[in-house]
PDB file of N, CA and C in Angstrom:
ATOM      1  N   UNK A   1       5.673 -16.576  -4.555  1.00  0.00           N
ATOM      2  CA  UNK A   1       6.239 -15.366  -5.112  1.00  0.00           C
ATOM      3  C   UNK A   1       7.751 -15.396  -4.948  1.00  0.00           C
ATOM      4  N   UNK A   2       8.482 -15.192  -6.032  1.00  0.00           N
ATOM      5  CA  UNK A   2       9.938 -15.181  -6.031  1.00  0.00           C
ATOM      6  C   UNK A   2      10.523 -16.480  -5.502  1.00  0.00           C
ATOM      7  N   UNK A   3       9.782 -17.550  -5.583  1.00  0.00           N
ATOM      8  CA  UNK A   3      10.205 -18.885  -5.133  1.00  0.00           C
ATOM      9  C   UNK A   3      10.515 -18.962  -3.644  1.00  0.00           C
ATOM     10  N   UNK A   4      10.268 -17.908  -2.877  1.00  0.00           N
ATOM     11  CA  UNK A   4      10.551 -17.966  -1.443  1.00  0.00           C
ATOM     12  C   UNK A   4       9.365 -17.518  -0.602  1.00  0.00           C
ATOM     13  N   UNK A   5       8.604 -16.557  -1.060  1.00  0.00           N
ATOM     14  CA  UNK A   5       7.539 -15.979  -0.265  1.00  0.00           C
ATOM     15  C   UNK A   5       6.163 -16.469  -0.661  1.00  0.00           C
ATOM     16  N   UNK A   6       5.178 -15.940   0.043  1.00  0.00           N
ATOM     17  CA  UNK A   6       3.801 -16.306  -0.256  1.00  0.00           C
ATOM     18  C   UNK A   6       2.882 -15.104  -0.056  1.00  0.00           C
ATOM     19  N   UNK A   7       1.804 -15.104  -0.796  1.00  0.00           N
ATOM     20  CA  UNK A   7       0.755 -14.106  -0.657  1.00  0.00           C
ATOM     21  C   UNK A   7      -0.557 -14.851  -0.571  1.00  0.00           C
ATOM     22  N   UNK A   8      -1.263 -14.665   0.545  1.00  0.00           N
ATOM     23  CA  UNK A   8      -2.570 -15.272   0.714  1.00  0.00           C
ATOM     24  C   UNK A   8      -3.604 -14.168   0.717  1.00  0.00           C
ATOM     25  N   UNK A   9      -4.701 -14.401   0.023  1.00  0.00           N
ATOM     26  CA  UNK A   9      -5.792 -13.434  -0.035  1.00  0.00           C
ATOM     27  C   UNK A   9      -7.098 -14.175   0.185  1.00  0.00           C
ATOM     28  N   UNK A  10      -7.969 -13.577   0.995  1.00  0.00           N
ATOM     29  CA  UNK A  10      -9.294 -14.146   1.199  1.00  0.00           C
ATOM     30  C   UNK A  10     -10.292 -13.002   1.283  1.00  0.00           C
ATOM     31  N   UNK A  11     -11.476 -13.239   0.792  1.00  0.00           N
ATOM     32  CA  UNK A  11     -12.506 -12.215   0.824  1.00  0.00           C
ATOM     33  C   UNK A  11     -13.367 -12.261  -0.419  1.00  0.00           C
ATOM     34  N   UNK A  12     -13.877 -11.111  -0.809  1.00  0.00           N
ATOM     35  CA  UNK A  12     -14.793 -11.019  -1.940  1.00  0.00           C
ATOM     36  C   UNK A  12     -14.184 -10.202  -3.062  1.00  0.00           C
ATOM     37  N   UNK A  13     -14.436 -10.651  -4.300  1.00  0.00           N
ATOM     38  CA  UNK A  13     -13.933  -9.967  -5.484  1.00  0.00           C
ATOM     39  C   UNK A  13     -15.032  -9.961  -6.531  1.00  0.00           C
ATOM     40  N   UNK A  14     -15.329  -8.786  -7.088  1.00  0.00           N
ATOM     41  CA  UNK A  14     -16.315  -8.666  -8.156  1.00  0.00           C
ATOM     42  C   UNK A  14     -15.669  -8.053  -9.379  1.00  0.00           C
ATOM     43  N   UNK A  15     -16.131  -8.441 -10.559  1.00  0.00           N
ATOM     44  CA  UNK A  15     -15.509  -8.000 -11.799  1.00  0.00           C
ATOM     45  C   UNK A  15     -16.204  -6.776 -12.405  1.00  0.00           C
ATOM     46  N   UNK A  16     -17.519  -6.759 -12.473  1.00  0.00           N
ATOM     47  CA  UNK A  16     -18.220  -5.658 -13.140  1.00  0.00           C
ATOM     48  C   UNK A  16     -19.426  -5.222 -12.320  1.00  0.00           C
ATOM     49  N   UNK A  17     -19.333  -4.104 -11.639  1.00  0.00           N
ATOM     50  CA  UNK A  17     -18.191  -3.198 -11.530  1.00  0.00           C
ATOM     51  C   UNK A  17     -17.110  -3.809 -10.637  1.00  0.00           C
ATOM     52  N   UNK A  18     -15.881  -3.358 -10.833  1.00  0.00           N
ATOM     53  CA  UNK A  18     -14.758  -3.871 -10.065  1.00  0.00           C
ATOM     54  C   UNK A  18     -14.928  -3.540  -8.590  1.00  0.00           C
ATOM     55  N   UNK A  19     -14.810  -4.560  -7.756  1.00  0.00           N
ATOM     56  CA  UNK A  19     -14.928  -4.377  -6.307  1.00  0.00           C
ATOM     57  C   UNK A  19     -14.101  -5.460  -5.630  1.00  0.00           C
ATOM     58  N   UNK A  20     -13.309  -5.076  -4.646  1.00  0.00           N
ATOM     59  CA  UNK A  20     -12.498  -6.032  -3.900  1.00  0.00           C
ATOM     60  C   UNK A  20     -12.548  -5.680  -2.419  1.00  0.00           C
ATOM     61  N   UNK A  21     -12.762  -6.672  -1.596  1.00  0.00           N
ATOM     62  CA  UNK A  21     -12.711  -6.543  -0.145  1.00  0.00           C
ATOM     63  C   UNK A  21     -11.925  -7.760   0.345  1.00  0.00           C
ATOM     64  N   UNK A  22     -10.601  -7.591   0.480  1.00  0.00           N
ATOM     65  CA  UNK A  22      -9.705  -8.715   0.699  1.00  0.00           C
ATOM     66  C   UNK A  22      -8.842  -8.546   1.942  1.00  0.00           C
ATOM     67  N   UNK A  23      -8.645  -9.623   2.655  1.00  0.00           N
ATOM     68  CA  UNK A  23      -7.649  -9.698   3.714  1.00  0.00           C
ATOM     69  C   UNK A  23      -6.395 -10.296   3.089  1.00  0.00           C
ATOM     70  N   UNK A  24      -5.259  -9.630   3.270  1.00  0.00           N
ATOM     71  CA  UNK A  24      -4.007 -10.053   2.646  1.00  0.00           C
ATOM     72  C   UNK A  24      -2.973 -10.429   3.701  1.00  0.00           C
ATOM     73  N   UNK A  25      -2.188 -11.456   3.398  1.00  0.00           N
ATOM     74  CA  UNK A  25      -1.102 -11.890   4.271  1.00  0.00           C
ATOM     75  C   UNK A  25       0.106 -12.186   3.387  1.00  0.00           C
ATOM     76  N   UNK A  26       1.111 -11.341   3.468  1.00  0.00           N
ATOM     77  CA  UNK A  26       2.323 -11.420   2.669  1.00  0.00           C
ATOM     78  C   UNK A  26       3.453 -11.910   3.567  1.00  0.00           C
ATOM     79  N   UNK A  27       4.141 -12.983   3.151  1.00  0.00           N
ATOM     80  CA  UNK A  27       5.194 -13.562   3.989  1.00  0.00           C
ATOM     81  C   UNK A  27       6.458 -13.798   3.185  1.00  0.00           C
ATOM     82  N   UNK A  28       7.575 -13.283   3.676  1.00  0.00           N
ATOM     83  CA  UNK A  28       8.921 -13.556   3.156  1.00  0.00           C
ATOM     84  C   UNK A  28       9.057 -13.301   1.660  1.00  0.00           C
ATOM     85  N   UNK A  29       8.516 -12.193   1.188  1.00  0.00           N
ATOM     86  CA  UNK A  29       8.609 -11.857  -0.230  1.00  0.00           C
ATOM     87  C   UNK A  29       9.833 -10.970  -0.469  1.00  0.00           C
ATOM     88  N   UNK A  30      10.656 -11.365  -1.419  1.00  0.00           N
ATOM     89  CA  UNK A  30      11.849 -10.606  -1.778  1.00  0.00           C
ATOM     90  C   UNK A  30      11.435  -9.394  -2.603  1.00  0.00           C
ATOM     91  N   UNK A  31      11.699  -8.196  -2.116  1.00  0.00           N
ATOM     92  CA  UNK A  31      11.327  -6.977  -2.835  1.00  0.00           C
ATOM     93  C   UNK A  31      12.498  -6.376  -3.607  1.00  0.00           C
ATOM     94  N   UNK A  32      13.651  -7.025  -3.596  1.00  0.00           N
ATOM     95  CA  UNK A  32      14.814  -6.532  -4.323  1.00  0.00           C
ATOM     96  C   UNK A  32      14.528  -6.318  -5.821  1.00  0.00           C
ATOM     97  N   UNK A  33      13.758  -7.180  -6.486  1.00  0.00           N
ATOM     98  CA  UNK A  33      13.466  -6.933  -7.900  1.00  0.00           C
ATOM     99  C   UNK A  33      12.705  -5.621  -8.156  1.00  0.00           C
ATOM    100  N   UNK A  34      12.102  -5.036  -7.143  1.00  0.00           N
ATOM    101  CA  UNK A  34      11.357  -3.783  -7.294  1.00  0.00           C
ATOM    102  C   UNK A  34      12.229  -2.547  -7.117  1.00  0.00           C
ATOM    103  N   UNK A  35      13.502  -2.734  -6.802  1.00  0.00           N
ATOM    104  CA  UNK A  35      14.388  -1.605  -6.510  1.00  0.00           C
ATOM    105  C   UNK A  35      14.420  -0.586  -7.643  1.00  0.00           C
ATOM    106  N   UNK A  36      14.369  -1.026  -8.862  1.00  0.00           N
ATOM    107  CA  UNK A  36      14.436  -0.105 -10.005  1.00  0.00           C
ATOM    108  C   UNK A  36      13.287   0.904  -9.989  1.00  0.00           C
ATOM    109  N   UNK A  37      12.172   0.568  -9.358  1.00  0.00           N
ATOM    110  CA  UNK A  37      11.010   1.454  -9.336  1.00  0.00           C
ATOM    111  C   UNK A  37      11.131   2.579  -8.312  1.00  0.00           C
ATOM    112  N   UNK A  38      11.969   2.402  -7.282  1.00  0.00           N
ATOM    113  CA  UNK A  38      12.059   3.450  -6.266  1.00  0.00           C
ATOM    114  C   UNK A  38      13.453   4.048  -6.095  1.00  0.00           C
ATOM    115  N   UNK A  39      14.455   3.545  -6.792  1.00  0.00           N
ATOM    116  CA  UNK A  39      15.812   4.062  -6.657  1.00  0.00           C
ATOM    117  C   UNK A  39      15.897   5.542  -7.008  1.00  0.00           C
ATOM    118  N   UNK A  40      15.181   5.986  -8.023  1.00  0.00           N
ATOM    119  CA  UNK A  40      15.223   7.391  -8.423  1.00  0.00           C
ATOM    120  C   UNK A  40      14.525   8.300  -7.415  1.00  0.00           C
ATOM    121  N   UNK A  41      13.616   7.760  -6.628  1.00  0.00           N
ATOM    122  CA  UNK A  41      12.852   8.545  -5.664  1.00  0.00           C
ATOM    123  C   UNK A  41      13.585   8.736  -4.342  1.00  0.00           C
ATOM    124  N   UNK A  42      14.318   7.723  -3.928  1.00  0.00           N
ATOM    125  CA  UNK A  42      15.052   7.799  -2.657  1.00  0.00           C
ATOM    126  C   UNK A  42      16.486   7.308  -2.861  1.00  0.00           C
ATOM    127  N   UNK A  43      17.389   7.814  -2.090  1.00  0.00           N
ATOM    128  CA  UNK A  43      18.792   7.438  -2.192  1.00  0.00           C
ATOM    129  C   UNK A  43      19.036   6.215  -1.307  1.00  0.00           C
ATOM    130  N   UNK A  44      18.709   5.053  -1.843  1.00  0.00           N
ATOM    131  CA  UNK A  44      18.800   3.821  -1.076  1.00  0.00           C
ATOM    132  C   UNK A  44      19.180   2.683  -2.006  1.00  0.00           C
ATOM    133  N   UNK A  45      20.208   1.953  -1.657  1.00  0.00           N
ATOM    134  CA  UNK A  45      20.634   0.791  -2.431  1.00  0.00           C
ATOM    135  C   UNK A  45      20.425  -0.450  -1.565  1.00  0.00           C
ATOM    136  N   UNK A  46      19.595  -1.349  -2.031  1.00  0.00           N
ATOM    137  CA  UNK A  46      19.313  -2.571  -1.300  1.00  0.00           C
ATOM    138  C   UNK A  46      20.198  -3.696  -1.799  1.00  0.00           C
ATOM    139  N   UNK A  47      20.655  -4.537  -0.879  1.00  0.00           N
ATOM    140  CA  UNK A  47      21.432  -5.705  -1.269  1.00  0.00           C
ATOM    141  C   UNK A  47      20.698  -6.996  -0.939  1.00  0.00           C
ATOM    142  N   UNK A  48      19.794  -6.921   0.030  1.00  0.00           N
ATOM    143  CA  UNK A  48      18.973  -8.078   0.398  1.00  0.00           C
ATOM    144  C   UNK A  48      17.713  -7.550   1.061  1.00  0.00           C
ATOM    145  N   UNK A  49      16.573  -8.101   0.707  1.00  0.00           N
ATOM    146  CA  UNK A  49      15.317  -7.617   1.275  1.00  0.00           C
ATOM    147  C   UNK A  49      14.339  -8.762   1.482  1.00  0.00           C
ATOM    148  N   UNK A  50      13.418  -8.538   2.387  1.00  0.00           N
ATOM    149  CA  UNK A  50      12.325  -9.469   2.613  1.00  0.00           C
ATOM    150  C   UNK A  50      11.193  -8.683   3.247  1.00  0.00           C
ATOM    151  N   UNK A  51       9.995  -8.866   2.739  1.00  0.00           N
ATOM    152  CA  UNK A  51       8.842  -8.135   3.260  1.00  0.00           C
ATOM    153  C   UNK A  51       7.809  -9.096   3.833  1.00  0.00           C
ATOM    154  N   UNK A  52       7.232  -8.674   4.959  1.00  0.00           N
ATOM    155  CA  UNK A  52       6.126  -9.377   5.592  1.00  0.00           C
ATOM    156  C   UNK A  52       5.072  -8.329   5.924  1.00  0.00           C
ATOM    157  N   UNK A  53       3.824  -8.633   5.638  1.00  0.00           N
ATOM    158  CA  UNK A  53       2.760  -7.668   5.931  1.00  0.00           C
ATOM    159  C   UNK A  53       1.418  -8.372   6.017  1.00  0.00           C
ATOM    160  N   UNK A  54       0.551  -7.797   6.819  1.00  0.00           N
ATOM    161  CA  UNK A  54      -0.846  -8.229   6.907  1.00  0.00           C
ATOM    162  C   UNK A  54      -1.684  -6.984   6.761  1.00  0.00           C
ATOM    163  N   UNK A  55      -2.775  -7.093   6.039  1.00  0.00           N
ATOM    164  CA  UNK A  55      -3.617  -5.926   5.883  1.00  0.00           C
ATOM    165  C   UNK A  55      -4.900  -6.246   5.151  1.00  0.00           C
ATOM    166  N   UNK A  56      -5.638  -5.191   4.892  1.00  0.00           N
ATOM    167  CA  UNK A  56      -6.914  -5.321   4.199  1.00  0.00           C
ATOM    168  C   UNK A  56      -6.908  -4.389   3.007  1.00  0.00           C
ATOM    169  N   UNK A  57      -7.398  -4.865   1.870  1.00  0.00           N
ATOM    170  CA  UNK A  57      -7.502  -4.081   0.652  1.00  0.00           C
ATOM    171  C   UNK A  57      -8.969  -3.943   0.297  1.00  0.00           C
ATOM    172  N   UNK A  58      -9.410  -2.686   0.146  1.00  0.00           N
ATOM    173  CA  UNK A  58     -10.787  -2.430  -0.271  1.00  0.00           C
ATOM    174  C   UNK A  58     -10.756  -1.496  -1.465  1.00  0.00           C
ATOM    175  N   UNK A  59     -11.309  -1.929  -2.581  1.00  0.00           N
ATOM    176  CA  UNK A  59     -11.416  -1.124  -3.793  1.00  0.00           C
ATOM    177  C   UNK A  59     -12.845  -1.197  -4.313  1.00  0.00           C
ATOM    178  N   UNK A  60     -13.310  -0.091  -4.866  1.00  0.00           N
ATOM    179  CA  UNK A  60     -14.649  -0.093  -5.465  1.00  0.00           C
ATOM    180  C   UNK A  60     -14.654   0.865  -6.646  1.00  0.00           C
ATOM    181  N   UNK A  61     -15.201   0.406  -7.760  1.00  0.00           N
ATOM    182  CA  UNK A  61     -15.299   1.218  -8.969  1.00  0.00           C
ATOM    183  C   UNK A  61     -16.611   2.010  -8.921  1.00  0.00           C
ATOM    184  N   UNK A  62     -16.488   3.339  -9.029  1.00  0.00           N
ATOM    185  CA  UNK A  62     -17.666   4.183  -9.006  1.00  0.00           C
ATOM    186  C   UNK A  62     -18.380   4.202 -10.340  1.00  0.00           C
ATOM    187  N   UNK A  63     -19.544   4.866 -10.375  1.00  0.00           N
ATOM    188  CA  UNK A  63     -20.327   4.980 -11.609  1.00  0.00           C
ATOM    189  C   UNK A  63     -19.554   5.675 -12.713  1.00  0.00           C
ATOM    190  N   UNK A  64     -18.603   6.533 -12.325  1.00  0.00           N
ATOM    191  CA  UNK A  64     -17.792   7.244 -13.315  1.00  0.00           C
ATOM    192  C   UNK A  64     -16.595   6.431 -13.796  1.00  0.00           C
ATOM    193  N   UNK A  65     -16.429   5.201 -13.307  1.00  0.00           N
ATOM    194  CA  UNK A  65     -15.343   4.320 -13.708  1.00  0.00           C
ATOM    195  C   UNK A  65     -14.078   4.470 -12.902  1.00  0.00           C
ATOM    196  N   UNK A  66     -14.015   5.460 -12.020  1.00  0.00           N
ATOM    197  CA  UNK A  66     -12.825   5.671 -11.198  1.00  0.00           C
ATOM    198  C   UNK A  66     -12.812   4.707 -10.015  1.00  0.00           C
ATOM    199  N   UNK A  67     -11.592   4.308  -9.628  1.00  0.00           N
ATOM    200  CA  UNK A  67     -11.430   3.431  -8.472  1.00  0.00           C
ATOM    201  C   UNK A  67     -11.241   4.249  -7.206  1.00  0.00           C
ATOM    202  N   UNK A  68     -11.863   3.803  -6.156  1.00  0.00           N
ATOM    203  CA  UNK A  68     -11.675   4.410  -4.842  1.00  0.00           C
ATOM    204  C   UNK A  68     -11.489   3.287  -3.849  1.00  0.00           C
ATOM    205  N   UNK A  69     -11.001   3.600  -2.699  1.00  0.00           N
ATOM    206  CA  UNK A  69     -10.804   2.556  -1.714  1.00  0.00           C
ATOM    207  C   UNK A  69     -10.271   3.075  -0.411  1.00  0.00           C
ATOM    208  N   UNK A  70      -9.955   2.147   0.424  1.00  0.00           N
ATOM    209  CA  UNK A  70      -9.458   2.500   1.727  1.00  0.00           C
ATOM    210  C   UNK A  70      -8.635   1.426   2.332  1.00  0.00           C
TER     211      UNK A  70
END
């Protein structure tokens, strides 16, 4: 990602219905290109950024087609 960082995902993914249960590991990802999406929300100007995170993503599509998760 961005020629510097990496995103690793492991776990289970289903297409129909949509379901994801993933462990995520994000390393050294430059988030500066995303600044345009949050500049209007907060008064913050970034000049250099890097994000690292570990977590779990769980999504499940209900019978009504809506996504839920935790």
